[in-house]
PDB file of N, CA and C in Angstrom:
ATOM      1  N   MET A   1      -7.413  15.117  -2.688  1.00  0.00           N
ATOM      2  CA  MET A   1      -7.445  14.676  -1.152  1.00  0.00           C
ATOM      3  C   MET A   1      -6.683  13.289  -1.390  1.00  0.00           C
ATOM      4  N   THR A   2      -6.327  12.943  -0.581  1.00  0.00           N
ATOM      5  CA  THR A   2      -6.058  11.652   0.316  1.00  0.00           C
ATOM      6  C   THR A   2      -7.493  11.033   0.786  1.00  0.00           C
ATOM      7  N   LEU A   3      -7.900   9.928   0.228  1.00  0.00           N
ATOM      8  CA  LEU A   3      -8.914   9.613   1.828  1.00  0.00           C
ATOM      9  C   LEU A   3      -8.378   8.620   2.977  1.00  0.00           C
ATOM     10  N   THR A   4      -7.344   8.011   2.908  1.00  0.00           N
ATOM     11  CA  THR A   4      -7.023   7.567   3.625  1.00  0.00           C
ATOM     12  C   THR A   4      -5.449   8.064   4.436  1.00  0.00           C
ATOM     13  N   PRO A   5      -5.788   8.463   5.649  1.00  0.00           N
ATOM     14  CA  PRO A   5      -4.567   8.503   6.324  1.00  0.00           C
ATOM     15  C   PRO A   5      -3.841   8.000   6.052  1.00  0.00           C
ATOM     16  N   ASN A   6      -2.251   8.812   5.999  1.00  0.00           N
ATOM     17  CA  ASN A   6      -1.178   7.866   5.551  1.00  0.00           C
ATOM     18  C   ASN A   6      -0.637   7.587   7.023  1.00  0.00           C
ATOM     19  N   PHE A   7      -0.920   7.372   8.138  1.00  0.00           N
ATOM     20  CA  PHE A   7      -0.316   7.303   9.039  1.00  0.00           C
ATOM     21  C   PHE A   7      -1.002   5.109   9.834  1.00  0.00           C
ATOM     22  N   PRO A   8      -0.301   4.740  10.335  1.00  0.00           N
ATOM     23  CA  PRO A   8      -0.776   3.900  11.272  1.00  0.00           C
ATOM     24  C   PRO A   8      -1.575   4.586  12.346  1.00  0.00           C
ATOM     25  N   SER A   9      -2.598   3.511  12.479  1.00  0.00           N
ATOM     26  CA  SER A   9      -3.505   4.291  13.451  1.00  0.00           C
ATOM     27  C   SER A   9      -3.070   3.895  14.854  1.00  0.00           C
ATOM     28  N   GLY A  10      -3.535   4.362  15.494  1.00  0.00           N
ATOM     29  CA  GLY A  10      -3.117   4.543  17.608  1.00  0.00           C
ATOM     30  C   GLY A  10      -1.560   5.109  17.195  1.00  0.00           C
ATOM     31  N   HIS A  11      -1.434   5.518  17.026  1.00  0.00           N
ATOM     32  CA  HIS A  11       0.078   6.362  16.719  1.00  0.00           C
ATOM     33  C   HIS A  11      -0.401   7.544  17.205  1.00  0.00           C
ATOM     34  N   TRP A  12       0.240   8.427  17.582  1.00  0.00           N
ATOM     35  CA  TRP A  12       0.709   9.812  17.922  1.00  0.00           C
ATOM     36  C   TRP A  12       0.998  10.906  16.884  1.00  0.00           C
ATOM     37  N   THR A  13       0.643  12.015  17.091  1.00  0.00           N
ATOM     38  CA  THR A  13       1.300  12.612  15.950  1.00  0.00           C
ATOM     39  C   THR A  13       1.629  14.298  16.868  1.00  0.00           C
ATOM     40  N   PHE A  14       2.413  15.003  15.697  1.00  0.00           N
ATOM     41  CA  PHE A  14       2.729  16.409  16.851  1.00  0.00           C
ATOM     42  C   PHE A  14       1.788  17.156  16.738  1.00  0.00           C
ATOM     43  N   LEU A  15       0.994  17.315  15.534  1.00  0.00           N
ATOM     44  CA  LEU A  15      -0.073  18.378  15.976  1.00  0.00           C
ATOM     45  C   LEU A  15      -1.294  17.849  15.943  1.00  0.00           C
ATOM     46  N   THR A  16      -2.544  18.486  16.658  1.00  0.00           N
ATOM     47  CA  THR A  16      -3.554  18.497  16.806  1.00  0.00           C
ATOM     48  C   THR A  16      -4.709  18.058  15.746  1.00  0.00           C
ATOM     49  N   ASN A  17      -5.836  17.645  16.067  1.00  0.00           N
ATOM     50  CA  ASN A  17      -6.920  17.230  14.967  1.00  0.00           C
ATOM     51  C   ASN A  17      -7.332  18.602  14.645  1.00  0.00           C
ATOM     52  N   HIS A  18      -7.186  19.748  15.598  1.00  0.00           N
ATOM     53  CA  HIS A  18      -7.536  21.142  15.305  1.00  0.00           C
ATOM     54  C   HIS A  18      -6.790  21.611  13.727  1.00  0.00           C
ATOM     55  N   THR A  19      -5.397  21.202  14.331  1.00  0.00           N
ATOM     56  CA  THR A  19      -4.375  21.648  13.277  1.00  0.00           C
ATOM     57  C   THR A  19      -4.966  20.977  12.092  1.00  0.00           C
ATOM     58  N   HIS A  20      -4.681  19.896  11.904  1.00  0.00           N
ATOM     59  CA  HIS A  20      -5.097  19.095  10.631  1.00  0.00           C
ATOM     60  C   HIS A  20      -6.389  19.428   9.878  1.00  0.00           C
ATOM     61  N   VAL A  21      -7.219  19.990  11.086  1.00  0.00           N
ATOM     62  CA  VAL A  21      -8.941  20.125   9.964  1.00  0.00           C
ATOM     63  C   VAL A  21      -8.340  21.628   9.619  1.00  0.00           C
ATOM     64  N   LEU A  22      -7.926  22.500  10.444  1.00  0.00           N
ATOM     65  CA  LEU A  22      -7.316  23.872   9.590  1.00  0.00           C
ATOM     66  C   LEU A  22      -6.625  23.571   8.490  1.00  0.00           C
ATOM     67  N   LEU A  23      -5.539  23.126   8.484  1.00  0.00           N
ATOM     68  CA  LEU A  23      -4.631  22.537   7.119  1.00  0.00           C
ATOM     69  C   LEU A  23      -5.265  22.240   6.156  1.00  0.00           C
ATOM     70  N   CYS A  24      -6.591  21.061   6.719  1.00  0.00           N
ATOM     71  CA  CYS A  24      -6.925  20.850   5.227  1.00  0.00           C
ATOM     72  C   CYS A  24      -8.346  21.765   4.962  1.00  0.00           C
ATOM     73  N   LEU A  25      -8.008  22.792   5.338  1.00  0.00           N
ATOM     74  CA  LEU A  25      -9.404  23.753   4.993  1.00  0.00           C
ATOM     75  C   LEU A  25      -9.247  24.767   4.150  1.00  0.00           C
ATOM     76  N   VAL A  26      -7.944  24.893   4.535  1.00  0.00           N
ATOM     77  CA  VAL A  26      -7.023  26.120   4.073  1.00  0.00           C
ATOM     78  C   VAL A  26      -6.429  25.551   2.767  1.00  0.00           C
ATOM     79  N   ARG A  27      -6.182  24.549   2.367  1.00  0.00           N
ATOM     80  CA  ARG A  27      -5.525  23.793   1.188  1.00  0.00           C
ATOM     81  C   ARG A  27      -7.565  23.343   0.504  1.00  0.00           C
ATOM     82  N   GLN A  28      -7.993  22.879   1.009  1.00  0.00           N
ATOM     83  CA  GLN A  28      -9.477  23.246  -0.201  1.00  0.00           C
ATOM     84  C   GLN A  28     -10.590  23.923   0.602  1.00  0.00           C
ATOM     85  N   PRO A  29     -10.394  25.073   0.786  1.00  0.00           N
ATOM     86  CA  PRO A  29     -11.756  25.825   1.310  1.00  0.00           C
ATOM     87  C   PRO A  29     -13.052  25.197   1.490  1.00  0.00           C
ATOM     88  N   GLU A  30     -13.605  24.761   0.543  1.00  0.00           N
ATOM     89  CA  GLU A  30     -14.895  24.514  -0.212  1.00  0.00           C
ATOM     90  C   GLU A  30     -14.911  22.732   0.343  1.00  0.00           C
ATOM     91  N   ALA A  31     -14.258  22.188   0.814  1.00  0.00           N
ATOM     92  CA  ALA A  31     -14.212  20.836   0.756  1.00  0.00           C
ATOM     93  C   ALA A  31     -15.191  20.733   2.265  1.00  0.00           C
ATOM     94  N   THR A  32     -16.087  19.078   1.689  1.00  0.00           N
ATOM     95  CA  THR A  32     -17.049  19.041   2.694  1.00  0.00           C
ATOM     96  C   THR A  32     -16.585  18.460   4.212  1.00  0.00           C
ATOM     97  N   LEU A  33     -17.037  18.357   5.191  1.00  0.00           N
ATOM     98  CA  LEU A  33     -17.117  17.999   6.738  1.00  0.00           C
ATOM     99  C   LEU A  33     -16.260  16.753   6.355  1.00  0.00           C
ATOM    100  N   ARG A  34     -17.242  15.823   5.402  1.00  0.00           N
ATOM    101  CA  ARG A  34     -16.568  14.414   5.161  1.00  0.00           C
ATOM    102  C   ARG A  34     -15.273  14.332   4.759  1.00  0.00           C
ATOM    103  N   GLN A  35     -15.116  14.720   3.469  1.00  0.00           N
ATOM    104  CA  GLN A  35     -13.596  14.600   2.852  1.00  0.00           C
ATOM    105  C   GLN A  35     -13.083  15.038   4.173  1.00  0.00           C
ATOM    106  N   VAL A  36     -13.136  16.232   4.903  1.00  0.00           N
ATOM    107  CA  VAL A  36     -12.036  16.352   6.061  1.00  0.00           C
ATOM    108  C   VAL A  36     -11.758  15.504   6.780  1.00  0.00           C
ATOM    109  N   ALA A  37     -13.220  14.607   7.765  1.00  0.00           N
ATOM    110  CA  ALA A  37     -12.652  13.749   8.447  1.00  0.00           C
ATOM    111  C   ALA A  37     -12.320  12.589   7.709  1.00  0.00           C
ATOM    112  N   LEU A  38     -12.245  11.759   6.018  1.00  0.00           N
ATOM    113  CA  LEU A  38     -11.743  10.990   6.020  1.00  0.00           C
ATOM    114  C   LEU A  38      -9.835  11.698   6.214  1.00  0.00           C
ATOM    115  N   GLU A  39     -10.002  12.546   5.597  1.00  0.00           N
ATOM    116  CA  GLU A  39      -8.367  13.356   5.225  1.00  0.00           C
ATOM    117  C   GLU A  39      -7.717  13.154   6.669  1.00  0.00           C
ATOM    118  N   VAL A  40      -8.721  13.502   7.479  1.00  0.00           N
ATOM    119  CA  VAL A  40      -7.449  13.743   9.356  1.00  0.00           C
ATOM    120  C   VAL A  40      -7.562  12.233   9.602  1.00  0.00           C
ATOM    121  N   GLY A  41      -8.030  11.571   9.032  1.00  0.00           N
ATOM    122  CA  GLY A  41      -8.568  10.130   9.704  1.00  0.00           C
ATOM    123  C   GLY A  41      -8.973  10.057  11.190  1.00  0.00           C
ATOM    124  N   ILE A  42     -10.669  10.881  11.517  1.00  0.00           N
ATOM    125  CA  ILE A  42     -11.373  11.372  12.404  1.00  0.00           C
ATOM    126  C   ILE A  42     -12.981  11.265  11.829  1.00  0.00           C
ATOM    127  N   THR A  43     -13.705  11.215  12.841  1.00  0.00           N
ATOM    128  CA  THR A  43     -14.829  11.388  12.602  1.00  0.00           C
ATOM    129  C   THR A  43     -15.686  12.512  11.877  1.00  0.00           C
ATOM    130  N   GLU A  44     -16.788  12.330  11.436  1.00  0.00           N
ATOM    131  CA  GLU A  44     -17.083  13.408  10.272  1.00  0.00           C
ATOM    132  C   GLU A  44     -17.848  14.417  11.747  1.00  0.00           C
ATOM    133  N   ARG A  45     -18.405  14.060  12.833  1.00  0.00           N
ATOM    134  CA  ARG A  45     -18.857  14.468  13.968  1.00  0.00           C
ATOM    135  C   ARG A  45     -18.229  15.124  14.504  1.00  0.00           C
ATOM    136  N   ALA A  46     -16.613  14.601  14.484  1.00  0.00           N
ATOM    137  CA  ALA A  46     -15.435  15.003  15.664  1.00  0.00           C
ATOM    138  C   ALA A  46     -14.977  16.437  14.541  1.00  0.00           C
ATOM    139  N   VAL A  47     -14.928  16.403  13.388  1.00  0.00           N
ATOM    140  CA  VAL A  47     -15.177  17.312  12.654  1.00  0.00           C
ATOM    141  C   VAL A  47     -16.227  18.582  12.687  1.00  0.00           C
ATOM    142  N   GLN A  48     -16.803  17.937  12.792  1.00  0.00           N
ATOM    143  CA  GLN A  48     -17.750  19.396  12.858  1.00  0.00           C
ATOM    144  C   GLN A  48     -17.837  19.849  14.795  1.00  0.00           C
ATOM    145  N   ARG A  49     -17.151  19.046  15.293  1.00  0.00           N
ATOM    146  CA  ARG A  49     -16.986  20.123  16.963  1.00  0.00           C
ATOM    147  C   ARG A  49     -15.998  20.969  16.878  1.00  0.00           C
ATOM    148  N   ILE A  50     -14.988  20.646  15.751  1.00  0.00           N
ATOM    149  CA  ILE A  50     -13.945  20.512  15.689  1.00  0.00           C
ATOM    150  C   ILE A  50     -13.699  22.359  15.032  1.00  0.00           C
ATOM    151  N   VAL A  51     -14.488  22.865  13.706  1.00  0.00           N
ATOM    152  CA  VAL A  51     -14.825  23.893  13.178  1.00  0.00           C
ATOM    153  C   VAL A  51     -15.822  24.179  14.171  1.00  0.00           C
ATOM    154  N   ARG A  52     -16.722  23.848  14.819  1.00  0.00           N
ATOM    155  CA  ARG A  52     -17.506  24.927  15.734  1.00  0.00           C
ATOM    156  C   ARG A  52     -16.410  25.328  16.327  1.00  0.00           C
ATOM    157  N   ASP A  53     -15.166  25.116  17.327  1.00  0.00           N
ATOM    158  CA  ASP A  53     -13.925  25.416  18.077  1.00  0.00           C
ATOM    159  C   ASP A  53     -13.675  26.842  17.575  1.00  0.00           C
ATOM    160  N   LEU A  54     -13.332  25.964  16.044  1.00  0.00           N
ATOM    161  CA  LEU A  54     -12.818  27.357  15.796  1.00  0.00           C
ATOM    162  C   LEU A  54     -13.637  28.238  15.001  1.00  0.00           C
ATOM    163  N   GLU A  55     -14.803  28.114  14.572  1.00  0.00           N
ATOM    164  CA  GLU A  55     -15.775  29.346  14.599  1.00  0.00           C
ATOM    165  C   GLU A  55     -15.990  30.511  15.443  1.00  0.00           C
ATOM    166  N   GLN A  56     -15.914  29.710  16.601  1.00  0.00           N
ATOM    167  CA  GLN A  56     -16.295  30.031  18.243  1.00  0.00           C
ATOM    168  C   GLN A  56     -15.107  30.986  18.499  1.00  0.00           C
ATOM    169  N   SER A  57     -13.928  30.568  18.102  1.00  0.00           N
ATOM    170  CA  SER A  57     -12.843  31.375  18.818  1.00  0.00           C
ATOM    171  C   SER A  57     -12.259  32.616  17.755  1.00  0.00           C
ATOM    172  N   GLY A  58     -12.964  32.234  16.612  1.00  0.00           N
ATOM    173  CA  GLY A  58     -12.849  33.159  15.506  1.00  0.00           C
ATOM    174  C   GLY A  58     -11.717  33.146  14.574  1.00  0.00           C
ATOM    175  N   THR A  59     -11.326  32.014  14.685  1.00  0.00           N
ATOM    176  CA  THR A  59     -10.424  31.461  13.795  1.00  0.00           C
ATOM    177  C   THR A  59      -9.984  31.072  12.231  1.00  0.00           C
ATOM    178  N   LEU A  60     -11.825  30.666  12.036  1.00  0.00           N
ATOM    179  CA  LEU A  60     -12.086  30.169  10.773  1.00  0.00           C
ATOM    180  C   LEU A  60     -13.362  31.006  10.657  1.00  0.00           C
ATOM    181  N   THR A  61     -13.899  31.491   9.796  1.00  0.00           N
ATOM    182  CA  THR A  61     -15.189  31.539   9.410  1.00  0.00           C
ATOM    183  C   THR A  61     -16.289  31.062   8.211  1.00  0.00           C
ATOM    184  N   ARG A  62     -17.062  30.838   8.221  1.00  0.00           N
ATOM    185  CA  ARG A  62     -17.796  29.784   7.225  1.00  0.00           C
ATOM    186  C   ARG A  62     -18.587  30.627   6.442  1.00  0.00           C
ATOM    187  N   THR A  63     -18.820  30.861   5.301  1.00  0.00           N
ATOM    188  CA  THR A  63     -19.394  31.281   3.982  1.00  0.00           C
ATOM    189  C   THR A  63     -20.145  30.261   3.409  1.00  0.00           C
ATOM    190  N   ARG A  64     -21.734  30.191   3.320  1.00  0.00           N
ATOM    191  CA  ARG A  64     -22.925  29.003   2.887  1.00  0.00           C
ATOM    192  C   ARG A  64     -22.754  29.810   1.083  1.00  0.00           C
ATOM    193  N   ARG A  65     -22.075  29.119   0.288  1.00  0.00           N
ATOM    194  CA  ARG A  65     -22.080  29.501  -1.733  1.00  0.00           C
ATOM    195  C   ARG A  65     -23.230  28.353  -1.433  1.00  0.00           C
ATOM    196  N   GLY A  66     -24.477  28.689  -1.910  1.00  0.00           N
ATOM    197  CA  GLY A  66     -25.614  27.519  -2.504  1.00  0.00           C
ATOM    198  C   GLY A  66     -25.750  26.924  -1.351  1.00  0.00           C
ATOM    199  N   ARG A  67     -25.454  25.578  -2.044  1.00  0.00           N
ATOM    200  CA  ARG A  67     -25.882  24.504  -1.171  1.00  0.00           C
ATOM    201  C   ARG A  67     -24.593  23.846  -0.315  1.00  0.00           C
ATOM    202  N   ARG A  68     -23.402  24.335  -0.493  1.00  0.00           N
ATOM    203  CA  ARG A  68     -22.628  24.357   0.154  1.00  0.00           C
ATOM    204  C   ARG A  68     -21.194  25.335   0.983  1.00  0.00           C
ATOM    205  N   ASN A  69     -20.826  25.228   1.855  1.00  0.00           N
ATOM    206  CA  ASN A  69     -19.889  25.936   2.327  1.00  0.00           C
ATOM    207  C   ASN A  69     -18.513  25.807   2.189  1.00  0.00           C
ATOM    208  N   SER A  70     -17.854  27.233   2.434  1.00  0.00           N
ATOM    209  CA  SER A  70     -16.842  27.350   2.217  1.00  0.00           C
ATOM    210  C   SER A  70     -15.596  28.514   3.446  1.00  0.00           C
ATOM    211  N   TYR A  71     -14.712  27.884   3.965  1.00  0.00           N
ATOM    212  CA  TYR A  71     -13.958  28.223   4.960  1.00  0.00           C
ATOM    213  C   TYR A  71     -12.882  29.415   4.519  1.00  0.00           C
ATOM    214  N   THR A  72     -12.699  30.219   5.737  1.00  0.00           N
ATOM    215  CA  THR A  72     -11.579  30.963   5.263  1.00  0.00           C
ATOM    216  C   THR A  72     -11.180  31.198   6.839  1.00  0.00           C
ATOM    217  N   VAL A  73      -9.473  31.138   6.848  1.00  0.00           N
ATOM    218  CA  VAL A  73      -8.685  30.715   8.158  1.00  0.00           C
ATOM    219  C   VAL A  73      -8.608  32.768   8.285  1.00  0.00           C
ATOM    220  N   ASN A  74      -8.731  33.432   9.392  1.00  0.00           N
ATOM    221  CA  ASN A  74      -8.206  34.125  10.231  1.00  0.00           C
ATOM    222  C   ASN A  74      -6.615  34.109  10.556  1.00  0.00           C
ATOM    223  N   ALA A  75      -5.500  34.720   9.790  1.00  0.00           N
ATOM    224  CA  ALA A  75      -4.295  34.148   9.621  1.00  0.00           C
ATOM    225  C   ALA A  75      -3.603  34.890  10.766  1.00  0.00           C
ATOM    226  N   ASP A  76      -4.515  36.140  11.239  1.00  0.00           N
ATOM    227  CA  ASP A  76      -3.794  36.844  11.746  1.00  0.00           C
ATOM    228  C   ASP A  76      -4.557  36.203  13.597  1.00  0.00           C
ATOM    229  N   PHE A  77      -5.042  35.176  13.442  1.00  0.00           N
ATOM    230  CA  PHE A  77      -5.242  34.647  14.805  1.00  0.00           C
ATOM    231  C   PHE A  77      -4.351  34.278  15.530  1.00  0.00           C
ATOM    232  N   ALA A  78      -4.021  34.947  17.184  1.00  0.00           N
ATOM    233  CA  ALA A  78      -2.592  34.725  18.094  1.00  0.00           C
ATOM    234  C   ALA A  78      -2.788  32.855  18.195  1.00  0.00           C
ATOM    235  N   LEU A  79      -1.940  32.057  18.245  1.00  0.00           N
ATOM    236  CA  LEU A  79      -1.819  31.211  18.768  1.00  0.00           C
ATOM    237  C   LEU A  79      -2.184  31.287  20.126  1.00  0.00           C
ATOM    238  N   ARG A  80      -2.705  29.902  20.502  1.00  0.00           N
ATOM    239  CA  ARG A  80      -3.348  29.657  22.195  1.00  0.00           C
ATOM    240  C   ARG A  80      -2.542  29.186  23.490  1.00  0.00           C
ATOM    241  N   HIS A  81      -1.496  28.573  23.193  1.00  0.00           N
ATOM    242  CA  HIS A  81      -0.887  28.147  24.155  1.00  0.00           C
ATOM    243  C   HIS A  81       0.447  29.198  24.570  1.00  0.00           C
ATOM    244  N   PRO A  82       0.807  29.562  25.576  1.00  0.00           N
ATOM    245  CA  PRO A  82       1.753  30.213  25.852  1.00  0.00           C
ATOM    246  C   PRO A  82       2.910  30.481  25.202  1.00  0.00           C
ATOM    247  N   LEU A  83       3.646  29.224  24.995  1.00  0.00           N
ATOM    248  CA  LEU A  83       4.981  28.464  24.371  1.00  0.00           C
ATOM    249  C   LEU A  83       5.055  28.965  22.553  1.00  0.00           C
ATOM    250  N   GLU A  84       4.123  29.716  22.044  1.00  0.00           N
ATOM    251  CA  GLU A  84       3.619  30.112  21.026  1.00  0.00           C
ATOM    252  C   GLU A  84       3.017  30.946  21.021  1.00  0.00           C
ATOM    253  N   ALA A  85       2.760  31.935  21.829  1.00  0.00           N
ATOM    254  CA  ALA A  85       1.282  32.873  21.567  1.00  0.00           C
ATOM    255  C   ALA A  85       2.311  34.240  20.926  1.00  0.00           C
ATOM    256  N   HIS A  86       3.180  33.895  20.659  1.00  0.00           N
ATOM    257  CA  HIS A  86       3.676  34.848  19.827  1.00  0.00           C
ATOM    258  C   HIS A  86       4.160  35.014  18.363  1.00  0.00           C
ATOM    259  N   ARG A  87       2.824  33.652  18.080  1.00  0.00           N
ATOM    260  CA  ARG A  87       3.218  33.335  16.484  1.00  0.00           C
ATOM    261  C   ARG A  87       1.474  33.666  16.361  1.00  0.00           C
ATOM    262  N   ASN A  88       1.187  33.848  14.914  1.00  0.00           N
ATOM    263  CA  ASN A  88      -0.169  33.245  14.480  1.00  0.00           C
ATOM    264  C   ASN A  88      -0.526  32.296  13.942  1.00  0.00           C
ATOM    265  N   VAL A  89      -1.992  31.967  13.497  1.00  0.00           N
ATOM    266  CA  VAL A  89      -2.310  30.831  12.516  1.00  0.00           C
ATOM    267  C   VAL A  89      -1.511  30.954  11.494  1.00  0.00           C
ATOM    268  N   GLY A  90      -1.522  32.254  10.671  1.00  0.00           N
ATOM    269  CA  GLY A  90      -0.819  32.505   9.625  1.00  0.00           C
ATOM    270  C   GLY A  90       0.582  31.581   9.307  1.00  0.00           C
ATOM    271  N   ASP A  91       1.546  32.375  10.533  1.00  0.00           N
ATOM    272  CA  ASP A  91       2.619  31.464  10.619  1.00  0.00           C
ATOM    273  C   ASP A  91       3.049  30.293  10.594  1.00  0.00           C
ATOM    274  N   LEU A  92       1.838  29.498  11.299  1.00  0.00           N
ATOM    275  CA  LEU A  92       1.868  27.840  11.005  1.00  0.00           C
ATOM    276  C   LEU A  92       1.806  27.210  10.156  1.00  0.00           C
ATOM    277  N   LEU A  93       0.456  27.714   9.544  1.00  0.00           N
ATOM    278  CA  LEU A  93       0.318  27.375   7.969  1.00  0.00           C
ATOM    279  C   LEU A  93       0.817  27.781   7.295  1.00  0.00           C
ATOM    280  N   ALA A  94       1.946  29.080   7.219  1.00  0.00           N
ATOM    281  CA  ALA A  94       3.060  28.832   5.830  1.00  0.00           C
ATOM    282  C   ALA A  94       3.907  28.176   6.208  1.00  0.00           C
ATOM    283  N   LEU A  95       4.427  27.347   7.624  1.00  0.00           N
ATOM    284  CA  LEU A  95       5.420  26.800   7.643  1.00  0.00           C
ATOM    285  C   LEU A  95       4.690  24.954   7.649  1.00  0.00           C
ATOM    286  N   LEU A  96       3.443  24.980   7.577  1.00  0.00           N
ATOM    287  CA  LEU A  96       2.862  23.221   7.243  1.00  0.00           C
ATOM    288  C   LEU A  96       2.861  23.260   5.817  1.00  0.00           C
ATOM    289  N   ALA A  97       2.598  24.176   5.037  1.00  0.00           N
ATOM    290  CA  ALA A  97       2.503  24.586   3.690  1.00  0.00           C
ATOM    291  C   ALA A  97       3.270  24.546   3.004  1.00  0.00           C
ATOM    292  N   SER A  98       4.406  25.271   3.368  1.00  0.00           N
ATOM    293  CA  SER A  98       5.335  25.271   2.405  1.00  0.00           C
ATOM    294  C   SER A  98       5.914  24.508   1.658  1.00  0.00           C
ATOM    295  N   GLY A  99       5.783  22.917   2.232  1.00  0.00           N
ATOM    296  CA  GLY A  99       5.958  21.609   0.930  1.00  0.00           C
ATOM    297  C   GLY A  99       7.408  21.367   1.781  1.00  0.00           C
ATOM    298  N   ARG A 100       8.427  22.485   2.117  1.00  0.00           N
ATOM    299  CA  ARG A 100       9.641  22.138   2.486  1.00  0.00           C
ATOM    300  C   ARG A 100       9.990  21.885   4.117  1.00  0.00           C
ATOM    301  N   PRO A 101      10.592  21.201   4.499  1.00  0.00           N
ATOM    302  CA  PRO A 101      11.183  21.200   5.774  1.00  0.00           C
ATOM    303  C   PRO A 101      12.122  22.269   5.955  1.00  0.00           C
ATOM    304  N   PRO A 102      12.485  22.958   7.052  1.00  0.00           N
ATOM    305  CA  PRO A 102      13.400  24.385   7.201  1.00  0.00           C
ATOM    306  C   PRO A 102      14.555  23.869   7.416  1.00  0.00           C
ATOM    307  N   LYS A 103      15.520  24.645   7.093  1.00  0.00           N
ATOM    308  CA  LYS A 103      17.093  24.208   7.551  1.00  0.00           C
ATOM    309  C   LYS A 103      17.176  24.015   8.795  1.00  0.00           C
ATOM    310  N   SER A 104      18.092  23.143   9.045  1.00  0.00           N
ATOM    311  CA  SER A 104      18.193  22.768  10.067  1.00  0.00           C
ATOM    312  C   SER A 104      19.650  24.073  10.746  1.00  0.00           C
ATOM    313  N   LYS A 105      19.722  24.068  11.360  1.00  0.00           N
ATOM    314  CA  LYS A 105      20.809  24.976  12.301  1.00  0.00           C
ATOM    315  C   LYS A 105      22.042  24.107  12.461  1.00  0.00           C
ATOM    316  N   GLY A 106      23.246  24.210  12.374  1.00  0.00           N
ATOM    317  CA  GLY A 106      24.295  23.938  12.664  1.00  0.00           C
ATOM    318  C   GLY A 106      24.613  22.602  12.309  1.00  0.00           C
TER     319      GLY A 106
END
């Protein structure tokens, strides 16, 4: 896991911090929230709030494993905005995790 975000601070990104946190937890389900915060470039407290939001919505499930937590994503959870409500979290994560850009049309 990279410890420093690879974008200049103060610049906007296409995805929300909720998406960034979710992607980190899909890649490393047993990561600490501190590790996620460093990867995303936000505070640990902000990650805690985001994880709570994701848990309350049913997008994410936390399982205690000894002294650590492990996170599982509900890939069938429908995306919330009307423009993408026909897709689910699994579709989004498959696109982001593929490592290859989609072929452009035209």
